[in-house]
Amino acid sequence: MDRLKAQTAKNRDAAKVLRNRGKDAAAQRMEDRADELESGRVTDVTDSVVGLFRWAQGR
């Protein structure tokens, strides 16, 4: 969950930079992605995937 919060913050920061550079469409995409991350519709499965790779390597 911390990874998702950190990524949300990075996306919002990137959106600010893009807006300052006049790239409003790209900034809106970053804001939309941050909203998706905050909404809970996206789940962090990084630990599960890493666990599967480690299990597969140990076989």
Protein backbone atom coordinates (compact mmCIF):
# COMPACT_ATOMS: atom_id res chain seq x y z
CA MET A 1 0.00 0.00 0.00
CA ASP A 2 2.87 2.38 0.69
CA ARG A 3 4.11 1.88 -2.86
CA LEU A 4 0.74 2.98 -4.21
CA LYS A 5 0.68 6.09 -2.02
CA ALA A 6 4.22 6.96 -3.06
CA GLN A 7 3.37 6.49 -6.73
CA THR A 8 0.27 8.63 -6.34
CA ALA A 9 2.37 11.44 -4.91
CA LYS A 10 4.91 11.09 -7.74
CA ASN A 11 2.14 11.21 -10.34
CA ARG A 12 0.69 14.38 -8.82
CA ASP A 13 4.14 16.00 -8.72
CA ALA A 14 4.73 15.02 -12.33
CA ALA A 15 1.35 16.50 -13.29
CA LYS A 16 2.37 19.83 -11.74
CA VAL A 17 5.62 19.85 -13.73
CA LEU A 18 3.79 18.97 -16.95
CA ARG A 19 1.24 21.75 -16.37
CA ASN A 20 4.05 24.24 -15.80
CA ARG A 21 5.50 23.18 -19.15
CA GLY A 22 2.16 23.68 -20.87
CA LYS A 23 1.41 19.99 -21.42
CA ASP A 24 -2.10 19.95 -20.02
CA ALA A 25 -3.22 16.72 -21.71
CA ALA A 26 -0.29 14.75 -20.29
CA ALA A 27 -0.83 16.35 -16.89
CA GLN A 28 -4.47 15.29 -16.95
CA ARG A 29 -3.44 11.69 -17.70
CA MET A 30 -1.10 11.75 -14.70
CA GLU A 31 -3.86 13.16 -12.49
CA ASP A 32 -6.27 10.50 -13.75
CA ARG A 33 -3.75 7.78 -12.94
CA ALA A 34 -3.23 9.21 -9.46
CA ASP A 35 -7.00 9.21 -8.95
CA GLU A 36 -7.15 5.53 -9.98
CA LEU A 37 -4.42 4.66 -7.51
CA GLU A 38 -6.22 6.49 -4.69
CA SER A 39 -9.59 4.98 -5.53
CA GLY A 40 -8.57 1.45 -4.61
CA ARG A 41 -9.39 0.08 -8.06
CA VAL A 42 -5.70 -0.71 -8.49
CA THR A 43 -4.10 -3.29 -6.24
CA ASP A 44 -0.43 -3.75 -5.49
CA VAL A 45 0.51 -7.33 -6.31
CA THR A 46 4.27 -6.76 -6.33
CA ASP A 47 4.87 -8.93 -3.25
CA SER A 48 2.79 -11.77 -4.70
CA VAL A 49 4.63 -11.69 -8.00
CA VAL A 50 8.03 -11.61 -6.31
CA GLY A 51 6.98 -14.55 -4.14
CA LEU A 52 5.95 -16.54 -7.20
CA PHE A 53 9.27 -15.89 -8.92
CA ARG A 54 11.21 -16.91 -5.84
CA TRP A 55 9.13 -20.06 -5.49
CA ALA A 56 9.65 -20.91 -9.18
CA GLN A 57 13.40 -20.38 -8.92
CA GLY A 58 13.62 -22.67 -5.91
CA ARG A 59 12.05 -25.60 -7.75
